[in-house]
Amino acid sequence: MVRHCSRRCQIRDKAAKRRAIQAGATVDVISRHRIHVRDSWTCHICGDPVDRDAVVPDLEAPVLDHVIALAKGGSHSEDNLKTAHFYCNSVKRDLEDGWSALAG
């Protein structure tokens, strides 16, 4: 059984898995917190730190971005997920070539 830090994280994780399955993507067990720590709580799109305490719809809130969008065949796995601001991720959406200030 996967444990979550909060009910909110549990709901977000369930929704993300459902979207991935509907897109026919590979779905792995992920840890949002582990990804944010791995990424030093920094948005991979703009390079600025996210606000750890902010909650969506706050533009500075931390979210997970599928680097290769599910719509483009990306997986729901820690290898394909990076920390982003809610705003940056909303602007990026599923652009074909992605959009990142921190390539790599």
PDB file of N, CA and C in Angstrom:
ATOM      1  N   MET A   1       0.837  -1.183   0.000  1.00  0.00           N
ATOM      2  CA  MET A   1       0.000   0.000   0.000  1.00  0.00           C
ATOM      3  C   MET A   1       0.879   1.242   0.000  1.00  0.00           C
ATOM      4  N   VAL A   2       0.529   2.218  -0.849  1.00  0.00           N
ATOM      5  CA  VAL A   2       1.265   3.466  -0.932  1.00  0.00           C
ATOM      6  C   VAL A   2       0.742   4.421   0.124  1.00  0.00           C
ATOM      7  N   ARG A   3       1.640   5.037   0.855  1.00  0.00           N
ATOM      8  CA  ARG A   3       1.241   6.010   1.868  1.00  0.00           C
ATOM      9  C   ARG A   3       1.452   7.406   1.311  1.00  0.00           C
ATOM     10  N   HIS A   4       0.587   8.310   1.719  1.00  0.00           N
ATOM     11  CA  HIS A   4       0.654   9.690   1.268  1.00  0.00           C
ATOM     12  C   HIS A   4       0.826  10.611   2.463  1.00  0.00           C
ATOM     13  N   CYS A   5       1.404  11.784   2.209  1.00  0.00           N
ATOM     14  CA  CYS A   5       1.623  12.732   3.298  1.00  0.00           C
ATOM     15  C   CYS A   5       0.323  13.414   3.717  1.00  0.00           C
ATOM     16  N   SER A   6      -0.667  13.433   2.839  1.00  0.00           N
ATOM     17  CA  SER A   6      -1.940  14.067   3.156  1.00  0.00           C
ATOM     18  C   SER A   6      -3.036  13.512   2.253  1.00  0.00           C
ATOM     19  N   ARG A   7      -4.254  13.809   2.614  1.00  0.00           N
ATOM     20  CA  ARG A   7      -5.397  13.399   1.784  1.00  0.00           C
ATOM     21  C   ARG A   7      -5.330  14.087   0.418  1.00  0.00           C
ATOM     22  N   ARG A   8      -4.883  15.346   0.422  1.00  0.00           N
ATOM     23  CA  ARG A   8      -4.741  16.098  -0.825  1.00  0.00           C
ATOM     24  C   ARG A   8      -3.763  15.410  -1.775  1.00  0.00           C
ATOM     25  N   CYS A   9      -2.619  14.956  -1.252  1.00  0.00           N
ATOM     26  CA  CYS A   9      -1.637  14.246  -2.086  1.00  0.00           C
ATOM     27  C   CYS A   9      -2.205  12.925  -2.594  1.00  0.00           C
ATOM     28  N   GLN A  10      -2.963  12.253  -1.762  1.00  0.00           N
ATOM     29  CA  GLN A  10      -3.565  10.992  -2.170  1.00  0.00           C
ATOM     30  C   GLN A  10      -4.532  11.216  -3.341  1.00  0.00           C
ATOM     31  N   ILE A  11      -5.340  12.246  -3.258  1.00  0.00           N
ATOM     32  CA  ILE A  11      -6.303  12.552  -4.321  1.00  0.00           C
ATOM     33  C   ILE A  11      -5.575  12.950  -5.604  1.00  0.00           C
ATOM     34  N   ARG A  12      -4.539  13.774  -5.487  1.00  0.00           N
ATOM     35  CA  ARG A  12      -3.774  14.204  -6.664  1.00  0.00           C
ATOM     36  C   ARG A  12      -3.076  13.021  -7.319  1.00  0.00           C
ATOM     37  N   ASP A  13      -2.531  12.117  -6.520  1.00  0.00           N
ATOM     38  CA  ASP A  13      -1.853  10.948  -7.052  1.00  0.00           C
ATOM     39  C   ASP A  13      -2.833  10.042  -7.794  1.00  0.00           C
ATOM     40  N   LYS A  14      -3.999   9.847  -7.222  1.00  0.00           N
ATOM     41  CA  LYS A  14      -5.010   9.001  -7.853  1.00  0.00           C
ATOM     42  C   LYS A  14      -5.454   9.591  -9.196  1.00  0.00           C
ATOM     43  N   ALA A  15      -5.647  10.909  -9.236  1.00  0.00           N
ATOM     44  CA  ALA A  15      -6.054  11.573 -10.474  1.00  0.00           C
ATOM     45  C   ALA A  15      -4.967  11.464 -11.546  1.00  0.00           C
ATOM     46  N   ALA A  16      -3.708  11.631 -11.136  1.00  0.00           N
ATOM     47  CA  ALA A  16      -2.595  11.535 -12.091  1.00  0.00           C
ATOM     48  C   ALA A  16      -2.488  10.124 -12.662  1.00  0.00           C
ATOM     49  N   LYS A  17      -2.665   9.132 -11.816  1.00  0.00           N
ATOM     50  CA  LYS A  17      -2.619   7.742 -12.290  1.00  0.00           C
ATOM     51  C   LYS A  17      -3.749   7.460 -13.270  1.00  0.00           C
ATOM     52  N   ARG A  18      -4.935   7.972 -12.956  1.00  0.00           N
ATOM     53  CA  ARG A  18      -6.088   7.762 -13.833  1.00  0.00           C
ATOM     54  C   ARG A  18      -5.836   8.374 -15.212  1.00  0.00           C
ATOM     55  N   ARG A  19      -5.297   9.603 -15.246  1.00  0.00           N
ATOM     56  CA  ARG A  19      -4.983  10.249 -16.531  1.00  0.00           C
ATOM     57  C   ARG A  19      -3.949   9.458 -17.313  1.00  0.00           C
ATOM     58  N   ALA A  20      -2.938   8.950 -16.611  1.00  0.00           N
ATOM     59  CA  ALA A  20      -1.886   8.186 -17.273  1.00  0.00           C
ATOM     60  C   ALA A  20      -2.431   6.893 -17.866  1.00  0.00           C
ATOM     61  N   ILE A  21      -3.259   6.212 -17.113  1.00  0.00           N
ATOM     62  CA  ILE A  21      -3.849   4.961 -17.601  1.00  0.00           C
ATOM     63  C   ILE A  21      -4.723   5.244 -18.818  1.00  0.00           C
ATOM     64  N   GLN A  22      -5.523   6.312 -18.765  1.00  0.00           N
ATOM     65  CA  GLN A  22      -6.380   6.667 -19.900  1.00  0.00           C
ATOM     66  C   GLN A  22      -5.555   6.990 -21.139  1.00  0.00           C
ATOM     67  N   ALA A  23      -4.351   7.523 -20.947  1.00  0.00           N
ATOM     68  CA  ALA A  23      -3.472   7.851 -22.069  1.00  0.00           C
ATOM     69  C   ALA A  23      -2.677   6.640 -22.541  1.00  0.00           C
ATOM     70  N   GLY A  24      -2.837   5.512 -21.850  1.00  0.00           N
ATOM     71  CA  GLY A  24      -2.109   4.299 -22.221  1.00  0.00           C
ATOM     72  C   GLY A  24      -0.656   4.303 -21.789  1.00  0.00           C
ATOM     73  N   ALA A  25      -0.325   5.142 -20.812  1.00  0.00           N
ATOM     74  CA  ALA A  25       1.058   5.283 -20.346  1.00  0.00           C
ATOM     75  C   ALA A  25       1.402   4.240 -19.292  1.00  0.00           C
ATOM     76  N   THR A  26       2.692   4.008 -19.138  1.00  0.00           N
ATOM     77  CA  THR A  26       3.198   3.187 -18.059  1.00  0.00           C
ATOM     78  C   THR A  26       3.005   3.968 -16.763  1.00  0.00           C
ATOM     79  N   VAL A  27       2.550   3.283 -15.719  1.00  0.00           N
ATOM     80  CA  VAL A  27       2.293   3.948 -14.441  1.00  0.00           C
ATOM     81  C   VAL A  27       3.115   3.273 -13.358  1.00  0.00           C
ATOM     82  N   ASP A  28       4.030   4.044 -12.748  1.00  0.00           N
ATOM     83  CA  ASP A  28       4.846   3.556 -11.637  1.00  0.00           C
ATOM     84  C   ASP A  28       4.366   4.195 -10.341  1.00  0.00           C
ATOM     85  N   VAL A  29       4.725   3.587  -9.232  1.00  0.00           N
ATOM     86  CA  VAL A  29       4.475   4.196  -7.926  1.00  0.00           C
ATOM     87  C   VAL A  29       5.498   5.312  -7.771  1.00  0.00           C
ATOM     88  N   ILE A  30       5.015   6.508  -7.462  1.00  0.00           N
ATOM     89  CA  ILE A  30       5.909   7.663  -7.333  1.00  0.00           C
ATOM     90  C   ILE A  30       5.726   8.325  -5.969  1.00  0.00           C
ATOM     91  N   SER A  31       6.709   9.123  -5.588  1.00  0.00           N
ATOM     92  CA  SER A  31       6.633   9.919  -4.368  1.00  0.00           C
ATOM     93  C   SER A  31       6.845  11.375  -4.754  1.00  0.00           C
ATOM     94  N   ARG A  32       5.776  12.177  -4.631  1.00  0.00           N
ATOM     95  CA  ARG A  32       5.879  13.596  -4.954  1.00  0.00           C
ATOM     96  C   ARG A  32       6.979  14.264  -4.140  1.00  0.00           C
ATOM     97  N   HIS A  33       7.006  13.981  -2.857  1.00  0.00           N
ATOM     98  CA  HIS A  33       8.004  14.598  -1.978  1.00  0.00           C
ATOM     99  C   HIS A  33       9.417  14.217  -2.410  1.00  0.00           C
ATOM    100  N   ARG A  34       9.643  12.956  -2.714  1.00  0.00           N
ATOM    101  CA  ARG A  34      10.975  12.516  -3.139  1.00  0.00           C
ATOM    102  C   ARG A  34      11.409  13.242  -4.417  1.00  0.00           C
ATOM    103  N   ILE A  35      10.482  13.455  -5.343  1.00  0.00           N
ATOM    104  CA  ILE A  35      10.809  14.162  -6.584  1.00  0.00           C
ATOM    105  C   ILE A  35      11.140  15.613  -6.290  1.00  0.00           C
ATOM    106  N   HIS A  36      10.349  16.268  -5.430  1.00  0.00           N
ATOM    107  CA  HIS A  36      10.632  17.668  -5.088  1.00  0.00           C
ATOM    108  C   HIS A  36      11.994  17.794  -4.407  1.00  0.00           C
ATOM    109  N   VAL A  37      12.321  16.883  -3.510  1.00  0.00           N
ATOM    110  CA  VAL A  37      13.633  16.905  -2.833  1.00  0.00           C
ATOM    111  C   VAL A  37      14.738  16.660  -3.863  1.00  0.00           C
ATOM    112  N   ARG A  38      14.555  15.664  -4.723  1.00  0.00           N
ATOM    113  CA  ARG A  38      15.552  15.366  -5.765  1.00  0.00           C
ATOM    114  C   ARG A  38      15.833  16.597  -6.611  1.00  0.00           C
ATOM    115  N   ASP A  39      14.781  17.356  -6.903  1.00  0.00           N
ATOM    116  CA  ASP A  39      14.904  18.538  -7.758  1.00  0.00           C
ATOM    117  C   ASP A  39      15.220  19.810  -6.967  1.00  0.00           C
ATOM    118  N   SER A  40      15.545  19.662  -5.692  1.00  0.00           N
ATOM    119  CA  SER A  40      15.892  20.790  -4.813  1.00  0.00           C
ATOM    120  C   SER A  40      14.797  21.849  -4.762  1.00  0.00           C
ATOM    121  N   TRP A  41      13.548  21.408  -4.865  1.00  0.00           N
ATOM    122  CA  TRP A  41      12.397  22.313  -4.802  1.00  0.00           C
ATOM    123  C   TRP A  41      12.557  23.464  -5.793  1.00  0.00           C
ATOM    124  N   THR A  42      13.086  23.151  -6.977  1.00  0.00           N
ATOM    125  CA  THR A  42      13.332  24.146  -8.017  1.00  0.00           C
ATOM    126  C   THR A  42      12.573  23.776  -9.278  1.00  0.00           C
ATOM    127  N   CYS A  43      11.908  24.752  -9.856  1.00  0.00           N
ATOM    128  CA  CYS A  43      11.149  24.545 -11.091  1.00  0.00           C
ATOM    129  C   CYS A  43      12.119  24.274 -12.233  1.00  0.00           C
ATOM    130  N   HIS A  44      11.934  23.156 -12.902  1.00  0.00           N
ATOM    131  CA  HIS A  44      12.836  22.817 -14.005  1.00  0.00           C
ATOM    132  C   HIS A  44      12.532  23.656 -15.241  1.00  0.00           C
ATOM    133  N   ILE A  45      11.418  24.340 -15.269  1.00  0.00           N
ATOM    134  CA  ILE A  45      11.043  25.124 -16.441  1.00  0.00           C
ATOM    135  C   ILE A  45      11.667  26.518 -16.402  1.00  0.00           C
ATOM    136  N   CYS A  46      11.550  27.224 -15.258  1.00  0.00           N
ATOM    137  CA  CYS A  46      12.078  28.591 -15.179  1.00  0.00           C
ATOM    138  C   CYS A  46      13.366  28.687 -14.362  1.00  0.00           C
ATOM    139  N   GLY A  47      13.640  27.680 -13.527  1.00  0.00           N
ATOM    140  CA  GLY A  47      14.858  27.687 -12.724  1.00  0.00           C
ATOM    141  C   GLY A  47      14.735  28.343 -11.366  1.00  0.00           C
ATOM    142  N   ASP A  48      13.547  28.886 -11.044  1.00  0.00           N
ATOM    143  CA  ASP A  48      13.337  29.532  -9.744  1.00  0.00           C
ATOM    144  C   ASP A  48      12.788  28.528  -8.729  1.00  0.00           C
ATOM    145  N   PRO A  49      13.020  28.783  -7.432  1.00  0.00           N
ATOM    146  CA  PRO A  49      12.475  27.878  -6.413  1.00  0.00           C
ATOM    147  C   PRO A  49      10.950  27.956  -6.348  1.00  0.00           C
ATOM    148  N   VAL A  50      10.323  26.826  -6.044  1.00  0.00           N
ATOM    149  CA  VAL A  50       8.874  26.799  -5.821  1.00  0.00           C
ATOM    150  C   VAL A  50       8.616  27.121  -4.355  1.00  0.00           C
ATOM    151  N   ASP A  51       7.404  27.533  -4.042  1.00  0.00           N
ATOM    152  CA  ASP A  51       7.011  27.832  -2.671  1.00  0.00           C
ATOM    153  C   ASP A  51       6.477  26.540  -2.056  1.00  0.00           C
ATOM    154  N   ARG A  52       7.261  25.927  -1.180  1.00  0.00           N
ATOM    155  CA  ARG A  52       6.902  24.629  -0.589  1.00  0.00           C
ATOM    156  C   ARG A  52       5.553  24.640   0.107  1.00  0.00           C
ATOM    157  N   ASP A  53       5.146  25.789   0.638  1.00  0.00           N
ATOM    158  CA  ASP A  53       3.911  25.874   1.408  1.00  0.00           C
ATOM    159  C   ASP A  53       2.701  26.288   0.571  1.00  0.00           C
ATOM    160  N   ALA A  54       2.929  26.681  -0.673  1.00  0.00           N
ATOM    161  CA  ALA A  54       1.832  27.128  -1.531  1.00  0.00           C
ATOM    162  C   ALA A  54       1.011  25.934  -2.002  1.00  0.00           C
ATOM    163  N   VAL A  55      -0.249  26.193  -2.254  1.00  0.00           N
ATOM    164  CA  VAL A  55      -1.180  25.160  -2.705  1.00  0.00           C
ATOM    165  C   VAL A  55      -1.835  25.652  -3.987  1.00  0.00           C
ATOM    166  N   VAL A  56      -1.999  24.760  -4.954  1.00  0.00           N
ATOM    167  CA  VAL A  56      -2.696  25.094  -6.191  1.00  0.00           C
ATOM    168  C   VAL A  56      -4.066  25.634  -5.822  1.00  0.00           C
ATOM    169  N   PRO A  57      -4.508  26.747  -6.353  1.00  0.00           N
ATOM    170  CA  PRO A  57      -4.116  27.428  -7.588  1.00  0.00           C
ATOM    171  C   PRO A  57      -3.091  28.555  -7.422  1.00  0.00           C
ATOM    172  N   ASP A  58      -2.383  28.625  -6.308  1.00  0.00           N
ATOM    173  CA  ASP A  58      -1.311  29.614  -6.163  1.00  0.00           C
ATOM    174  C   ASP A  58      -0.291  29.364  -7.281  1.00  0.00           C
ATOM    175  N   LEU A  59       0.078  30.408  -7.997  1.00  0.00           N
ATOM    176  CA  LEU A  59       0.969  30.260  -9.155  1.00  0.00           C
ATOM    177  C   LEU A  59       2.349  29.731  -8.793  1.00  0.00           C
ATOM    178  N   GLU A  60       2.787  29.932  -7.554  1.00  0.00           N
ATOM    179  CA  GLU A  60       4.103  29.485  -7.099  1.00  0.00           C
ATOM    180  C   GLU A  60       4.082  28.063  -6.521  1.00  0.00           C
ATOM    181  N   ALA A  61       2.922  27.431  -6.474  1.00  0.00           N
ATOM    182  CA  ALA A  61       2.775  26.104  -5.857  1.00  0.00           C
ATOM    183  C   ALA A  61       3.577  25.050  -6.613  1.00  0.00           C
ATOM    184  N   PRO A  62       4.177  24.100  -5.881  1.00  0.00           N
ATOM    185  CA  PRO A  62       4.911  23.021  -6.536  1.00  0.00           C
ATOM    186  C   PRO A  62       3.954  21.974  -7.108  1.00  0.00           C
ATOM    187  N   VAL A  63       4.206  21.592  -8.347  1.00  0.00           N
ATOM    188  CA  VAL A  63       3.466  20.514  -8.994  1.00  0.00           C
ATOM    189  C   VAL A  63       4.478  19.626  -9.702  1.00  0.00           C
ATOM    190  N   LEU A  64       4.011  18.486 -10.179  1.00  0.00           N
ATOM    191  CA  LEU A  64       4.874  17.614 -10.959  1.00  0.00           C
ATOM    192  C   LEU A  64       4.547  17.769 -12.438  1.00  0.00           C
ATOM    193  N   ASP A  65       5.583  17.889 -13.240  1.00  0.00           N
ATOM    194  CA  ASP A  65       5.442  18.039 -14.682  1.00  0.00           C
ATOM    195  C   ASP A  65       5.916  16.770 -15.373  1.00  0.00           C
ATOM    196  N   HIS A  66       5.099  16.239 -16.270  1.00  0.00           N
ATOM    197  CA  HIS A  66       5.538  15.139 -17.123  1.00  0.00           C
ATOM    198  C   HIS A  66       6.422  15.760 -18.197  1.00  0.00           C
ATOM    199  N   VAL A  67       7.722  15.490 -18.157  1.00  0.00           N
ATOM    200  CA  VAL A  67       8.660  16.083 -19.104  1.00  0.00           C
ATOM    201  C   VAL A  67       8.250  15.709 -20.525  1.00  0.00           C
ATOM    202  N   ILE A  68       8.030  14.440 -20.764  1.00  0.00           N
ATOM    203  CA  ILE A  68       7.425  13.981 -22.011  1.00  0.00           C
ATOM    204  C   ILE A  68       5.956  13.778 -21.672  1.00  0.00           C
ATOM    205  N   ALA A  69       5.108  14.621 -22.241  1.00  0.00           N
ATOM    206  CA  ALA A  69       3.689  14.614 -21.905  1.00  0.00           C
ATOM    207  C   ALA A  69       3.064  13.241 -22.116  1.00  0.00           C
ATOM    208  N   LEU A  70       2.085  12.926 -21.277  1.00  0.00           N
ATOM    209  CA  LEU A  70       1.354  11.663 -21.433  1.00  0.00           C
ATOM    210  C   LEU A  70       0.750  11.590 -22.827  1.00  0.00           C
ATOM    211  N   ALA A  71       0.274  12.719 -23.332  1.00  0.00           N
ATOM    212  CA  ALA A  71      -0.332  12.771 -24.661  1.00  0.00           C
ATOM    213  C   ALA A  71       0.674  12.463 -25.768  1.00  0.00           C
ATOM    214  N   LYS A  72       1.957  12.600 -25.455  1.00  0.00           N
ATOM    215  CA  LYS A  72       3.021  12.332 -26.437  1.00  0.00           C
ATOM    216  C   LYS A  72       3.712  10.995 -26.181  1.00  0.00           C
ATOM    217  N   GLY A  73       3.127  10.169 -25.293  1.00  0.00           N
ATOM    218  CA  GLY A  73       3.696   8.847 -25.034  1.00  0.00           C
ATOM    219  C   GLY A  73       4.584   8.752 -23.815  1.00  0.00           C
ATOM    220  N   GLY A  74       4.649   9.802 -23.008  1.00  0.00           N
ATOM    221  CA  GLY A  74       5.467   9.775 -21.797  1.00  0.00           C
ATOM    222  C   GLY A  74       4.862   8.875 -20.732  1.00  0.00           C
ATOM    223  N   SER A  75       5.678   8.499 -19.776  1.00  0.00           N
ATOM    224  CA  SER A  75       5.224   7.607 -18.701  1.00  0.00           C
ATOM    225  C   SER A  75       4.962   8.408 -17.426  1.00  0.00           C
ATOM    226  N   HIS A  76       4.188   7.810 -16.532  1.00  0.00           N
ATOM    227  CA  HIS A  76       3.965   8.395 -15.206  1.00  0.00           C
ATOM    228  C   HIS A  76       4.946   7.708 -14.273  1.00  0.00           C
ATOM    229  N   SER A  77       6.215   8.133 -14.359  1.00  0.00           N
ATOM    230  CA  SER A  77       7.283   7.535 -13.570  1.00  0.00           C
ATOM    231  C   SER A  77       8.209   8.639 -13.074  1.00  0.00           C
ATOM    232  N   GLU A  78       8.972   8.346 -12.035  1.00  0.00           N
ATOM    233  CA  GLU A  78       9.870   9.352 -11.477  1.00  0.00           C
ATOM    234  C   GLU A  78      10.902   9.819 -12.493  1.00  0.00           C
ATOM    235  N   ASP A  79      11.255   8.970 -13.464  1.00  0.00           N
ATOM    236  CA  ASP A  79      12.206   9.367 -14.502  1.00  0.00           C
ATOM    237  C   ASP A  79      11.634  10.454 -15.408  1.00  0.00           C
ATOM    238  N   ASN A  80      10.324  10.499 -15.543  1.00  0.00           N
ATOM    239  CA  ASN A  80       9.677  11.435 -16.458  1.00  0.00           C
ATOM    240  C   ASN A  80       8.977  12.585 -15.726  1.00  0.00           C
ATOM    241  N   LEU A  81       9.147  12.696 -14.433  1.00  0.00           N
ATOM    242  CA  LEU A  81       8.500  13.740 -13.651  1.00  0.00           C
ATOM    243  C   LEU A  81       9.531  14.678 -13.045  1.00  0.00           C
ATOM    244  N   LYS A  82       9.256  15.976 -13.118  1.00  0.00           N
ATOM    245  CA  LYS A  82      10.130  16.978 -12.518  1.00  0.00           C
ATOM    246  C   LYS A  82       9.276  18.025 -11.819  1.00  0.00           C
ATOM    247  N   THR A  83       9.876  18.690 -10.855  1.00  0.00           N
ATOM    248  CA  THR A  83       9.216  19.764 -10.118  1.00  0.00           C
ATOM    249  C   THR A  83       9.022  20.976 -11.020  1.00  0.00           C
ATOM    250  N   ALA A  84       7.847  21.603 -10.892  1.00  0.00           N
ATOM    251  CA  ALA A  84       7.554  22.830 -11.633  1.00  0.00           C
ATOM    252  C   ALA A  84       6.607  23.700 -10.822  1.00  0.00           C
ATOM    253  N   HIS A  85       6.590  24.982 -11.135  1.00  0.00           N
ATOM    254  CA  HIS A  85       5.561  25.871 -10.584  1.00  0.00           C
ATOM    255  C   HIS A  85       4.234  25.526 -11.250  1.00  0.00           C
ATOM    256  N   PHE A  86       3.140  25.723 -10.547  1.00  0.00           N
ATOM    257  CA  PHE A  86       1.823  25.542 -11.135  1.00  0.00           C
ATOM    258  C   PHE A  86       1.690  26.419 -12.389  1.00  0.00           C
ATOM    259  N   TYR A  87       2.146  27.666 -12.298  1.00  0.00           N
ATOM    260  CA  TYR A  87       2.063  28.580 -13.439  1.00  0.00           C
ATOM    261  C   TYR A  87       2.881  28.075 -14.631  1.00  0.00           C
ATOM    262  N   CYS A  88       4.139  27.763 -14.403  1.00  0.00           N
ATOM    263  CA  CYS A  88       5.017  27.328 -15.502  1.00  0.00           C
ATOM    264  C   CYS A  88       4.473  26.074 -16.179  1.00  0.00           C
ATOM    265  N   ASN A  89       4.008  25.133 -15.375  1.00  0.00           N
ATOM    266  CA  ASN A  89       3.474  23.896 -15.925  1.00  0.00           C
ATOM    267  C   ASN A  89       2.198  24.168 -16.728  1.00  0.00           C
ATOM    268  N   SER A  90       1.398  25.120 -16.279  1.00  0.00           N
ATOM    269  CA  SER A  90       0.170  25.468 -16.991  1.00  0.00           C
ATOM    270  C   SER A  90       0.480  26.087 -18.344  1.00  0.00           C
ATOM    271  N   VAL A  91       1.525  26.912 -18.398  1.00  0.00           N
ATOM    272  CA  VAL A  91       1.915  27.549 -19.651  1.00  0.00           C
ATOM    273  C   VAL A  91       2.529  26.516 -20.595  1.00  0.00           C
ATOM    274  N   LYS A  92       3.342  25.638 -20.067  1.00  0.00           N
ATOM    275  CA  LYS A  92       4.018  24.628 -20.892  1.00  0.00           C
ATOM    276  C   LYS A  92       3.033  23.680 -21.545  1.00  0.00           C
ATOM    277  N   ARG A  93       2.058  23.226 -20.759  1.00  0.00           N
ATOM    278  CA  ARG A  93       1.070  22.239 -21.196  1.00  0.00           C
ATOM    279  C   ARG A  93       1.758  21.069 -21.880  1.00  0.00           C
ATOM    280  N   ASP A  94       1.359  20.730 -23.081  1.00  0.00           N
ATOM    281  CA  ASP A  94       1.979  19.573 -23.750  1.00  0.00           C
ATOM    282  C   ASP A  94       2.662  19.996 -25.051  1.00  0.00           C
ATOM    283  N   LEU A  95       3.414  21.114 -24.964  1.00  0.00           N
ATOM    284  CA  LEU A  95       4.138  21.580 -26.136  1.00  0.00           C
ATOM    285  C   LEU A  95       5.025  20.461 -26.677  1.00  0.00           C
ATOM    286  N   GLU A  96       5.082  20.354 -27.972  1.00  0.00           N
ATOM    287  CA  GLU A  96       5.766  19.234 -28.618  1.00  0.00           C
ATOM    288  C   GLU A  96       7.209  19.066 -28.159  1.00  0.00           C
ATOM    289  N   ASP A  97       7.964  20.144 -28.152  1.00  0.00           N
ATOM    290  CA  ASP A  97       9.376  20.040 -27.782  1.00  0.00           C
ATOM    291  C   ASP A  97       9.628  20.405 -26.328  1.00  0.00           C
ATOM    292  N   GLY A  98       8.550  20.570 -25.541  1.00  0.00           N
ATOM    293  CA  GLY A  98       8.725  20.962 -24.160  1.00  0.00           C
ATOM    294  C   GLY A  98       9.136  22.419 -24.078  1.00  0.00           C
ATOM    295  N   TRP A  99       9.433  22.857 -22.895  1.00  0.00           N
ATOM    296  CA  TRP A  99       9.820  24.247 -22.666  1.00  0.00           C
ATOM    297  C   TRP A  99      10.544  24.260 -21.348  1.00  0.00           C
ATOM    298  N   SER A 100      11.832  24.479 -21.369  1.00  0.00           N
ATOM    299  CA  SER A 100      12.588  24.431 -20.141  1.00  0.00           C
ATOM    300  C   SER A 100      13.777  25.383 -20.197  1.00  0.00           C
ATOM    301  N   ALA A 101      13.959  26.134 -19.121  1.00  0.00           N
ATOM    302  CA  ALA A 101      15.128  26.983 -18.989  1.00  0.00           C
ATOM    303  C   ALA A 101      16.329  26.142 -18.554  1.00  0.00           C
ATOM    304  N   LEU A 102      16.054  24.968 -18.022  1.00  0.00           N
ATOM    305  CA  LEU A 102      17.110  24.096 -17.501  1.00  0.00           C
ATOM    306  C   LEU A 102      17.162  22.812 -18.324  1.00  0.00           C
ATOM    307  N   ALA A 103      17.614  22.898 -19.534  1.00  0.00           N
ATOM    308  CA  ALA A 103      17.659  21.720 -20.411  1.00  0.00           C
ATOM    309  C   ALA A 103      18.540  20.654 -19.770  1.00  0.00           C
ATOM    310  N   GLY A 104      18.097  19.400 -19.929  1.00  0.00           N
ATOM    311  CA  GLY A 104      18.912  18.300 -19.437  1.00  0.00           C
ATOM    312  C   GLY A 104      18.331  17.571 -18.352  1.00  0.00           C
TER     313      GLY A 104
END
